[in-house]
Protein backbone atom coordinates (compact mmCIF):
# COMPACT_ATOMS: atom_id res chain seq x y z
CA MET A 1 30.77 -39.51 114.36
CA ASN A 2 28.18 -42.26 114.07
CA SER A 3 24.54 -41.16 114.23
CA ASN A 4 23.25 -44.73 114.41
CA PRO A 5 24.40 -46.55 117.58
CA HIS A 6 23.55 -49.96 116.07
CA LEU A 7 26.30 -49.87 113.41
CA ASP A 8 29.53 -51.63 114.27
CA PRO A 9 32.67 -49.46 113.73
CA ASP A 10 34.53 -52.48 112.31
CA LEU A 11 31.76 -52.98 109.77
CA ILE A 12 32.01 -49.35 108.71
CA LEU A 13 35.79 -49.77 108.30
CA LEU A 14 35.32 -52.88 106.17
CA ILE A 15 32.77 -51.12 103.97
CA GLY A 16 35.24 -48.27 103.48
CA ARG A 17 37.93 -50.73 102.42
CA LEU A 18 35.55 -52.34 99.95
CA GLU A 19 34.70 -48.95 98.47
CA GLY A 20 38.40 -48.20 98.08
CA LYS A 21 39.02 -51.48 96.31
CA LEU A 22 36.02 -50.98 94.08
CA ASP A 23 37.26 -47.51 93.11
CA ALA A 24 40.66 -49.02 92.25
CA LEU A 25 39.01 -51.68 90.07
CA ILE A 26 36.92 -49.08 88.27
CA SER A 27 40.04 -47.00 87.62
CA GLN A 28 41.89 -50.03 86.23
CA SER A 29 38.92 -50.87 84.05
CA HIS A 30 38.89 -47.37 82.56
CA GLN A 31 42.64 -47.54 81.91
CA GLN A 32 42.31 -50.92 80.19
CA ALA A 33 39.44 -49.63 78.04
CA LYS A 34 41.58 -46.65 77.00
CA THR A 35 44.49 -48.96 76.12
CA ILE A 36 42.21 -51.22 74.08
CA MET A 37 40.84 -48.23 72.15
CA GLU A 38 44.40 -47.08 71.36
CA LEU A 39 45.39 -50.57 70.22
CA GLU A 40 42.30 -50.82 68.00
CA ALA A 41 43.21 -47.51 66.35
CA ARG A 42 46.75 -48.73 65.70
CA LEU A 43 45.48 -52.05 64.33
CA ASN A 44 43.05 -50.26 61.99
CA LYS A 45 45.92 -48.17 60.61
CA LEU A 46 48.03 -51.30 60.05
CA GLU A 47 45.18 -53.09 58.31
CA ALA A 48 44.55 -50.11 56.04
CA TYR A 49 48.26 -49.91 55.19
CA LYS A 50 48.35 -53.65 54.47
CA GLY A 51 45.40 -53.31 52.10
CA TRP A 52 47.03 -50.39 50.30
CA LEU A 53 50.34 -52.28 50.05
CA LEU A 54 48.67 -55.41 48.63
CA GLY A 55 46.84 -53.30 46.08
CA ALA A 56 50.05 -51.57 45.04
CA ALA A 57 51.85 -54.93 44.76
CA SER A 58 49.04 -56.34 42.64
CA THR A 59 49.12 -53.33 40.35
CA ALA A 60 52.91 -53.54 40.02
CA SER A 61 52.63 -57.24 39.20
CA LEU A 62 50.00 -56.56 36.57
CA VAL A 63 52.10 -53.82 34.95
CA ALA A 64 55.24 -55.99 35.01
CA SER A 65 53.34 -58.88 33.43
CA TRP A 66 51.96 -56.63 30.70
CA VAL A 67 55.43 -55.18 29.99
CA PHE A 68 57.05 -58.62 29.72
CA THR A 69 54.21 -59.81 27.46
CA LYS A 70 54.79 -56.87 25.11
CA ILE A 71 58.57 -57.36 25.12
CA LEU A 72 58.42 -61.07 24.34
């Protein structure tokens, strides 16, 4: 199994465990990045909707003000 007689089998086992943990951390990092991208997309949609809603409310306020000015 081991071509180099100077390597300790326990050391090889520990290195394997470290590789496994590193792979798990990389996987978690990719999942978190994906979640952040999805949240950013949702936030951008909400911000766009808020801007549209504020514009519509401002326009409605302007029209209502103009109508009341003409009535009175």
